[in-house]
Amino acid sequence: MSAREKKMVSMSEEMVSLMEKNQSLQEEVQVARENSSNSMDELRAEFTKRISTAEKKLQAMSKVKQECMRVVECEA
């Protein structure tokens, strides 16, 4: 085999190796994107739950405040 043919075989092998590596990296990126999306959905759900809980507590405290104001007004 001539030097030129050897170089072509070597470059072809390197190209195949790089294509395999590229495919592997693309798969890793896809998995990372899916995990990121799932994490965002979980965070969004947790945030929504916490906001809802805080709103309920705020409403309860508002009712307590109003009741206290009525008691104070009645005593005055």
Protein backbone atom coordinates (compact mmCIF):
# COMPACT_ATOMS: atom_id res chain seq x y z
CA MET A 1 0.00 0.00 0.00
CA SER A 2 1.23 3.45 -0.83
CA ALA A 3 1.57 6.18 1.76
CA ARG A 4 -1.40 7.95 0.25
CA GLU A 5 -3.62 4.85 0.59
CA LYS A 6 -2.47 4.31 4.16
CA LYS A 7 -3.30 7.93 4.94
CA MET A 8 -6.81 7.50 3.42
CA VAL A 9 -7.43 4.31 5.46
CA SER A 10 -6.21 6.04 8.61
CA MET A 11 -8.41 9.06 7.98
CA SER A 12 -11.41 6.82 7.23
CA GLU A 13 -10.92 4.97 10.51
CA GLU A 14 -10.59 8.26 12.36
CA MET A 15 -13.75 9.55 10.67
CA VAL A 16 -15.71 6.45 11.74
CA SER A 17 -14.43 6.85 15.28
CA LEU A 18 -15.42 10.52 15.35
CA MET A 19 -18.87 9.75 13.94
CA GLU A 20 -19.42 7.16 16.68
CA LYS A 21 -18.25 9.63 19.32
CA ASN A 22 -20.55 12.29 17.84
CA GLN A 23 -23.53 9.92 17.99
CA SER A 24 -22.73 9.05 21.59
CA LEU A 25 -22.49 12.71 22.56
CA GLN A 26 -25.76 13.53 20.81
CA GLU A 27 -27.47 10.78 22.80
CA GLU A 28 -26.01 12.16 26.04
CA VAL A 29 -27.27 15.65 25.16
CA GLN A 30 -30.75 14.26 24.46
CA VAL A 31 -30.82 12.45 27.82
CA ALA A 32 -29.62 15.60 29.58
CA ARG A 33 -32.37 17.65 27.91
CA GLU A 34 -35.02 15.14 28.93
CA ASN A 35 -33.74 15.10 32.52
CA SER A 36 -33.65 18.89 32.57
CA SER A 37 -37.23 19.04 31.32
CA ASN A 38 -38.35 16.55 33.97
CA SER A 39 -36.52 18.53 36.66
CA MET A 40 -38.20 21.75 35.53
CA ASP A 41 -41.62 20.08 35.65
CA GLU A 42 -40.91 18.82 39.17
CA LEU A 43 -39.71 22.27 40.28
CA ARG A 44 -42.75 23.94 38.72
CA ALA A 45 -45.09 21.52 40.53
CA GLU A 46 -43.29 22.05 43.85
CA PHE A 47 -43.37 25.83 43.40
CA THR A 48 -47.09 25.75 42.59
CA LYS A 49 -47.75 23.63 45.67
CA ARG A 50 -45.78 25.99 47.93
CA ILE A 51 -47.50 29.08 46.53
CA SER A 52 -50.89 27.45 47.05
CA THR A 53 -50.01 26.61 50.65
CA ALA A 54 -48.79 30.16 51.29
CA GLU A 55 -51.97 31.62 49.81
CA LYS A 56 -54.13 29.41 52.03
CA LYS A 57 -52.16 30.48 55.10
CA LEU A 58 -52.49 34.12 54.08
CA GLN A 59 -56.27 33.76 53.69
CA ALA A 60 -56.53 32.07 57.09
CA MET A 61 -54.49 34.83 58.72
CA SER A 62 -56.63 37.46 57.02
CA LYS A 63 -59.76 35.87 58.50
CA VAL A 64 -58.15 35.79 61.95
CA LYS A 65 -57.18 39.45 61.58
CA GLN A 66 -60.71 40.41 60.56
CA GLU A 67 -62.15 38.50 63.53
CA CYS A 68 -59.75 40.23 65.89
CA MET A 69 -60.71 43.61 64.43
CA ARG A 70 -64.40 42.82 65.00
CA VAL A 71 -63.71 41.81 68.62
CA VAL A 72 -61.75 45.01 69.24
CA GLU A 73 -64.52 47.12 67.68
CA CYS A 74 -67.17 45.41 69.79
CA GLU A 75 -65.23 46.03 72.99
CA ALA A 76 -64.66 49.68 72.14
